[in-house]
Amino acid sequence: MVFALFRRKEQPDAPRVPDDAVVYAIGDVHGCLDLLQKLEREIADDMARRKASRRVVVYLGDYIDRGPDSRGVIEHLSTRPLPGCESVHLAGNHDRWLLDFLDDPGQGHAWLMNGGRATLASYGVGDVAKESRRQELQGLRDALDRVLPAHHRTFLQGLAYCHEEGDYFFAHAGVRPDVPLAEQEPADLLWIREEFLYSDADFGKVVVHGHTPTHTPEEYKNRIGVDTGAFMSNRLTALVLEGAKRRFLYAQVGGF
């Protein structure tokens, strides 16, 4: 099931994207390749009806972990971009975790306990003999290093931390209040939560983010959250921005 919800009429002085652009921002995929492909088909159909000369799709990160097909998601994103549009792939904290694990397996325990084992399984990496935690982590790291395709590694290493379109700023987790957008630290863009979510500060632009799952998208004056927990809700969300208008597209498996 794929459908759209349309929101608010255009208001004077409302945040805008450039007049020549329509922008789609996709929330956290977390290994749900079926939902991603459904949502991309809906986006492609929507693009065909738009008059804008620029069509931009911003993926907000967390492509891997928790869901059933992290490998498939990375393969899809790295080899099959949506035709006729600009694709912007942002880094999520889970994507960064995988690279950190390859650099230093001693840091891998938290990643494995937060969905990393699902990613390993999608690459065909199972548990090794658990003689000790250190040996286990090193063994898993070495096994992943052997099977991770070079273009998957290149894709993950090339992810951007943020993107801007008009009056909107896109980042995986959010931004640190009272820090100019141009000076945000990568760690905050990937990881921040409460300090950002509970802030009523003017960030300089409306921040579009994922990272914190909610049942439905969250819209506030200073931020829009589009992570609807695909791996547990079977619902993947995209925000659509055109001029000063906003709307949402959803891909859904099962009931809503």
Foldseek 3Di string as FASTA:
>chain_A
DKDWFFDDDFDPPFFAFDQLEKEKEWAAQAFVVVFVVVVLVVLLVVVVPDPRQAYEYEYAENLHFLAQASVVSLVCVLPPDRPPHHYAYAYAPLLVLLVVCLVPLVSNPVSVVGGVQSVLVNLVHDFDDCPDPVVRSVVSSVVCVVRPDPSSVVVSVPHHAWDDGGQEIEAAAAFAPPDAPVPTDSCCSHDPHDNGVPDPDANSGAYEYEDDADCQWDDDSRYIYQHPPCSPQVKIKMWMGHTSTIIMMIRHDDDD
